[in-house]
Every structure is written in structure tokens, then in C-alpha cells.
Amino acid sequence: MTEYLTTPQGRRLAHHRTAGQGPGVVFLGGFMSDMTGTKAMFLQDWAKAEGRAFLRFDYSGHGQSSGAFEEGCIGDWVEDAVAALEALTEGPQILVGSSMGGWIALHLARAMPSRVAGLVGIAPAPDFTEDSMWAGFSDAQRAQLMETGRITIASDYSAAGYPITRRLIEDGRQRLVLRSPLPLPFPVRILQGTADTDVPVSVALRLMDHAQCDDLRLTLVKGADHRFSTPGCLAMIAAAVVDVSNR
């Protein structure tokens, strides 16, 4: 059954919790995705079978949570994740961050390291608003964004494309994690497909090089795309959660 959490900022977050032992697992979804995706549902089923506590939720403006997507930004979604972790989980958690969720997870690691037992990044996309979006925009797109506050970019996941706002870009610029020290005092596993056209392998390599972590491993999967949702890829996610749990 879907439950709702009202955050300190007044946003209502839809979520599903599975009771079980710790360390619990928290799934952090990607940009314009929701908690009903293949990876989230797979992990919920896996956690139930393992007797492991599990949480999945929708950021504001996503899925069943309150708010409009276009009104949100990285900072809002980090606040959502902090509120969910504080109110809906107990003790250290293993964060599983997919794409943008990987960036969110890194912010949680900075904000509340004592609540993070380990991190599994699935094609993590730190700083993507700056290094992928803004860097990839044409001069005309940048001018339109600054003048009108909004543009729409093409997407393989939405026929209507993705609405990108000036607030998203400017807030993202204040949330960058690859320009300053990034201590990760827990085990980290990064899973990355070589056929990912949304978040290239170079991003995972940059994160691996930049992070200050004594137990960080990157696994490249030949031919896997950004969805990383084949049976074999899903099994690798579960294995990575077990790996960081045993460290």
C-alpha cells in the first residue's frame, strides 16, 4: 500500500516500505523516473525474500508524490531523500542510486554519513545538469533557457521530451560533487554498462578517480545500456548490495 510522508518543506512523498532486518536498502531513482520501475520492484522482491528492510519512494514532482516536475530541482530532491531516510528508516542504510539517484546518494553520504552503510551506483550521474545538459546545449538553447526559463530536450524515454528549467540548471550548479573533496567512508560499488548512451563510462571513471574511498570497485558490463534491467544486470545489483553488506 502506498503511504505518504510530509517533508519539513511541506512536500508529500509517496513511498513503499518493506519491513525486515538491517542494514536496510533504499532505492533512489533517476531523473523523471518513479518508484515503480523495474530495478525498484526487483529490489523490493529481493529484499522481501531476504528478510531485508527496503524503501522506495518518489521524489516530489515524480510519480505519485506532490508537486510538478518542472518546479523541482536537485536541491529539492536531495531534501526529499534526506527526509525519507530520516523519517522512514532506522540505522545505517545501503543506498542504491540509479543515474540521478547516484548523485542524490552522494549528497546523502555528505549530509549524513553515519546513516550510510554502503553505496551501489547504477550508472551514477553526478553533476549531469552541468556536465551533460548545460555543456551539451547549443548557444541557441542556452539563450532560450536563460530568457524564457525553460526548454524541452529530446528523450528516448518520453515522446514529449524532457522539460529543462533554468532553476534546474542553476540549482544543479550549486550541488556539484566532483569539484570538491568527496569522502565516502564505506564500501562503494559502481555498475556501468558500456552501451550506455545517457551516462557514458567516462563519468563512472571520473567518479572513481575523484572519490576518497578505501573500498570502491567499478564493474563494466559489456553491451548493457542505461536501463541496466536485464535479468543478468538485476542479479548484479543484488550481488553488489550483498557485497557491500558483508564488508
Protein backbone atom coordinates (compact mmCIF):
# COMPACT_ATOMS: atom_id res chain seq x y z
CA MET A 1 0.00 0.00 0.00
CA THR A 2 1.28 3.47 -0.87
CA GLU A 3 1.94 5.67 2.13
CA TYR A 4 2.76 9.37 2.24
CA LEU A 5 5.33 11.36 4.15
CA THR A 6 5.08 15.13 4.53
CA THR A 7 8.59 16.58 4.48
CA PRO A 8 9.76 19.57 6.55
CA GLN A 9 9.38 21.61 3.34
CA GLY A 10 5.71 20.60 3.05
CA ARG A 11 6.03 18.19 0.13
CA ARG A 12 4.14 14.87 0.19
CA LEU A 13 6.29 11.90 -0.80
CA ALA A 14 4.69 8.64 -1.89
CA HIS A 15 6.58 5.61 -0.66
CA HIS A 16 6.51 1.88 -0.01
CA ARG A 17 8.29 0.27 2.92
CA THR A 18 9.14 -3.39 3.40
CA ALA A 19 9.86 -4.47 6.95
CA GLY A 20 12.97 -6.53 7.62
CA GLN A 21 16.43 -6.68 9.08
CA GLY A 22 19.19 -4.15 8.60
CA PRO A 23 21.12 -2.74 7.09
CA GLY A 24 18.10 -1.65 5.09
CA VAL A 25 18.19 -0.86 1.39
CA VAL A 26 16.96 2.46 -0.01
CA PHE A 27 16.39 2.82 -3.76
CA LEU A 28 16.99 6.26 -5.24
CA GLY A 29 15.53 6.58 -8.72
CA GLY A 30 16.58 8.61 -11.70
CA PHE A 31 15.52 11.82 -13.42
CA MET A 32 11.80 11.73 -14.30
CA SER A 33 11.53 8.10 -13.20
CA ASP A 34 9.41 6.72 -10.39
CA MET A 35 9.37 4.02 -7.72
CA THR A 36 7.53 1.51 -9.91
CA GLY A 37 10.46 0.93 -12.28
CA THR A 38 11.98 -2.47 -12.96
CA LYS A 39 15.01 -2.03 -10.70
CA ALA A 40 12.99 -0.71 -7.74
CA MET A 41 10.45 -3.52 -7.94
CA PHE A 42 13.14 -6.16 -8.39
CA LEU A 43 14.96 -4.93 -5.29
CA GLN A 44 11.74 -4.91 -3.28
CA ASP A 45 11.05 -8.52 -4.20
CA TRP A 46 14.66 -9.45 -3.46
CA ALA A 47 14.57 -7.69 -0.09
CA LYS A 48 11.35 -9.46 0.88
CA ALA A 49 12.88 -12.82 0.02
CA GLU A 50 15.99 -11.97 2.04
CA GLY A 51 14.08 -10.58 5.02
CA ARG A 52 15.78 -7.24 4.45
CA ALA A 53 14.23 -3.82 5.16
CA PHE A 54 13.61 -1.87 1.95
CA LEU A 55 12.35 1.59 0.98
CA ARG A 56 11.38 3.02 -2.39
CA PHE A 57 9.85 6.46 -2.83
CA ASP A 58 9.03 9.14 -5.39
CA TYR A 59 10.80 12.48 -5.27
CA SER A 60 8.47 15.48 -5.36
CA GLY A 61 7.22 16.08 -8.89
CA HIS A 62 7.76 12.41 -9.70
CA GLY A 63 5.32 9.51 -9.74
CA GLN A 64 2.65 9.73 -7.04
CA SER A 65 4.30 12.45 -4.96
CA SER A 66 3.08 16.04 -4.79
CA GLY A 67 4.32 18.87 -6.96
CA ALA A 68 5.05 19.46 -10.63
CA PHE A 69 8.23 18.05 -12.12
CA GLU A 70 9.14 21.34 -13.78
CA GLU A 71 9.10 23.12 -10.42
CA GLY A 72 11.71 20.80 -8.91
CA CYS A 73 15.49 20.76 -8.86
CA ILE A 74 18.36 18.69 -7.49
CA GLY A 75 18.33 20.53 -4.16
CA ASP A 76 14.63 19.77 -3.66
CA TRP A 77 15.15 16.10 -4.42
CA VAL A 78 18.12 15.89 -2.07
CA GLU A 79 15.89 17.37 0.66
CA ASP A 80 13.26 14.76 -0.18
CA ALA A 81 15.79 11.95 0.13
CA VAL A 82 17.12 13.28 3.45
CA ALA A 83 13.57 13.49 4.83
CA ALA A 84 12.77 9.94 3.65
CA LEU A 85 15.94 8.50 5.13
CA GLU A 86 15.44 10.26 8.47
CA ALA A 87 11.73 9.51 8.87
CA LEU A 88 11.29 6.13 7.18
CA THR A 89 14.44 4.16 8.01
CA GLU A 90 16.37 3.17 11.11
CA GLY A 91 20.11 2.80 11.41
CA PRO A 92 22.67 2.69 8.60
CA GLN A 93 21.27 2.05 5.12
CA ILE A 94 22.64 0.79 1.84
CA LEU A 95 21.83 3.35 -0.83
CA VAL A 96 21.17 2.09 -4.34
CA GLY A 97 21.24 5.09 -6.64
CA SER A 98 20.30 4.83 -10.30
CA SER A 99 21.53 7.59 -12.64
CA MET A 100 20.47 10.87 -10.96
CA GLY A 101 19.85 8.77 -7.85
CA GLY A 102 23.59 8.18 -7.71
CA TRP A 103 24.13 11.94 -7.45
CA ILE A 104 21.46 12.15 -4.75
CA ALA A 105 23.15 9.28 -2.87
CA LEU A 106 26.47 11.14 -2.88
CA HIS A 107 24.74 14.12 -1.28
CA LEU A 108 23.26 11.87 1.40
CA ALA A 109 26.75 10.50 2.04
CA ARG A 110 27.97 14.05 2.64
CA ALA A 111 24.98 15.17 4.70
CA MET A 112 24.54 12.11 6.92
CA PRO A 113 27.49 9.70 6.59
CA SER A 114 26.62 7.87 9.82
CA ARG A 115 23.37 6.72 8.20
CA VAL A 116 25.09 5.20 5.15
CA ALA A 117 26.44 1.65 5.39
CA GLY A 118 27.32 1.34 1.72
CA LEU A 119 26.51 2.66 -1.73
CA VAL A 120 25.68 0.93 -5.01
CA GLY A 121 25.64 3.25 -8.01
CA ILE A 122 23.93 2.10 -11.20
CA ALA A 123 25.30 4.31 -13.98
CA PRO A 124 25.55 7.14 -11.43
CA ALA A 125 25.25 10.60 -12.95
CA PRO A 126 26.80 13.17 -10.60
CA ASP A 127 26.82 16.75 -11.87
CA PHE A 128 24.85 15.82 -15.01
CA THR A 129 22.93 19.10 -15.19
CA GLU A 130 26.24 20.89 -15.71
CA ASP A 131 28.48 18.36 -17.45
CA SER A 132 25.91 16.70 -19.70
CA MET A 133 22.98 19.10 -20.13
CA TRP A 134 24.48 22.59 -19.99
CA ALA A 135 27.72 21.52 -21.65
CA GLY A 136 25.75 19.86 -24.44
CA PHE A 137 23.32 22.70 -25.15
CA SER A 138 23.75 24.83 -28.24
CA ASP A 139 24.16 28.59 -27.91
CA ALA A 140 20.54 28.97 -29.01
CA GLN A 141 19.32 26.54 -26.35
CA ARG A 142 21.30 28.31 -23.65
CA ALA A 143 19.94 31.69 -24.72
CA GLN A 144 16.36 30.39 -24.75
CA LEU A 145 16.78 28.79 -21.36
CA MET A 146 18.10 31.97 -19.80
CA GLU A 147 15.49 34.19 -21.46
CA THR A 148 12.35 32.08 -21.07
CA GLY A 149 13.38 29.89 -18.13
CA ARG A 150 12.60 26.65 -19.94
CA ILE A 151 13.47 24.44 -22.91
CA THR A 152 12.46 20.92 -23.94
CA ILE A 153 15.06 18.35 -24.91
CA ALA A 154 14.55 15.06 -26.74
CA SER A 155 14.49 11.85 -24.74
CA ASP A 156 14.44 8.13 -25.53
CA TYR A 157 12.13 7.70 -22.54
CA SER A 158 9.45 10.30 -23.27
CA ALA A 159 7.82 11.17 -26.61
CA ALA A 160 7.13 14.66 -25.30
CA GLY A 161 10.77 15.14 -24.31
CA TYR A 162 12.13 16.42 -21.00
CA PRO A 163 11.35 19.95 -19.78
CA ILE A 164 14.55 21.56 -18.53
CA THR A 165 14.31 24.72 -16.46
CA ARG A 166 16.73 27.49 -15.67
CA ARG A 167 16.18 26.72 -11.97
CA LEU A 168 17.24 23.09 -12.51
CA ILE A 169 20.48 24.16 -14.17
CA GLU A 170 21.31 26.97 -11.75
CA ASP A 171 20.50 24.90 -8.66
CA GLY A 172 22.46 21.94 -10.03
CA ARG A 173 25.47 24.23 -10.37
CA GLN A 174 25.33 24.73 -6.59
CA ARG A 175 25.16 20.95 -5.94
CA LEU A 176 28.20 19.72 -7.86
CA VAL A 177 30.14 16.94 -6.12
CA LEU A 178 33.06 16.35 -8.48
CA ARG A 179 34.69 19.74 -7.90
CA SER A 180 35.48 19.38 -4.20
CA PRO A 181 36.59 16.57 -1.87
CA LEU A 182 34.20 13.62 -1.79
CA PRO A 183 34.91 11.35 1.18
CA LEU A 184 33.00 8.07 1.07
CA PRO A 185 33.88 6.22 4.30
CA PHE A 186 32.05 3.00 3.39
CA PRO A 187 32.14 0.39 0.60
CA VAL A 188 31.05 1.60 -2.82
CA ARG A 189 30.21 -0.45 -5.91
CA ILE A 190 29.58 1.16 -9.30
CA LEU A 191 27.83 -0.80 -12.05
CA GLN A 192 28.09 0.66 -15.54
CA GLY A 193 27.05 -0.56 -18.98
CA THR A 194 29.42 0.02 -21.88
CA ALA A 195 26.48 0.69 -24.25
CA ASP A 196 25.00 3.41 -22.03
CA THR A 197 24.34 6.42 -24.28
CA ASP A 198 22.88 8.58 -21.47
CA VAL A 199 25.71 8.34 -18.93
CA PRO A 200 28.99 7.32 -20.59
CA VAL A 201 31.65 5.15 -18.98
CA SER A 202 33.83 8.25 -18.58
CA VAL A 203 31.52 9.53 -15.84
CA ALA A 204 32.00 6.38 -13.76
CA LEU A 205 35.76 6.57 -14.25
CA ARG A 206 35.79 10.23 -13.20
CA LEU A 207 33.78 9.44 -10.07
CA MET A 208 36.06 6.53 -9.23
CA ASP A 209 39.14 8.70 -9.63
CA HIS A 210 37.68 11.60 -7.63
CA ALA A 211 36.09 9.84 -4.66
CA GLN A 212 38.08 9.35 -1.47
CA CYS A 213 37.19 5.74 -0.70
CA ASP A 214 39.25 2.79 0.50
CA ASP A 215 36.82 0.19 -0.87
CA LEU A 216 35.47 1.26 -4.25
CA ARG A 217 35.04 -1.06 -7.22
CA LEU A 218 33.75 -0.36 -10.71
CA THR A 219 32.20 -3.14 -12.80
CA LEU A 220 31.77 -2.55 -16.53
CA VAL A 221 29.16 -4.67 -18.27
CA LYS A 222 29.74 -5.09 -21.99
CA GLY A 223 26.66 -4.22 -24.03
CA ALA A 224 24.47 -3.10 -21.12
CA ASP A 225 22.51 0.12 -21.69
CA HIS A 226 21.29 2.81 -19.31
CA ARG A 227 18.25 0.86 -18.19
CA PHE A 228 20.52 -1.87 -16.72
CA SER A 229 17.42 -4.03 -16.27
CA THR A 230 18.13 -7.37 -17.93
CA PRO A 231 17.94 -10.40 -15.62
CA GLY A 232 21.72 -10.55 -15.54
CA CYS A 233 22.06 -6.86 -14.69
CA LEU A 234 19.42 -7.09 -11.97
CA ALA A 235 21.24 -10.04 -10.43
CA MET A 236 24.43 -7.96 -10.40
CA ILE A 237 22.66 -5.20 -8.46
CA ALA A 238 21.53 -7.66 -5.78
CA ALA A 239 25.04 -9.15 -5.63
CA ALA A 240 26.53 -5.67 -5.16
CA VAL A 241 24.14 -4.99 -2.26
CA VAL A 242 25.22 -8.26 -0.63
CA ASP A 243 28.87 -7.41 -1.23
CA VAL A 244 28.74 -4.02 0.49
CA SER A 245 26.62 -5.55 3.29
CA ASN A 246 29.38 -8.03 4.10
CA ARG A 247 32.21 -5.51 4.27
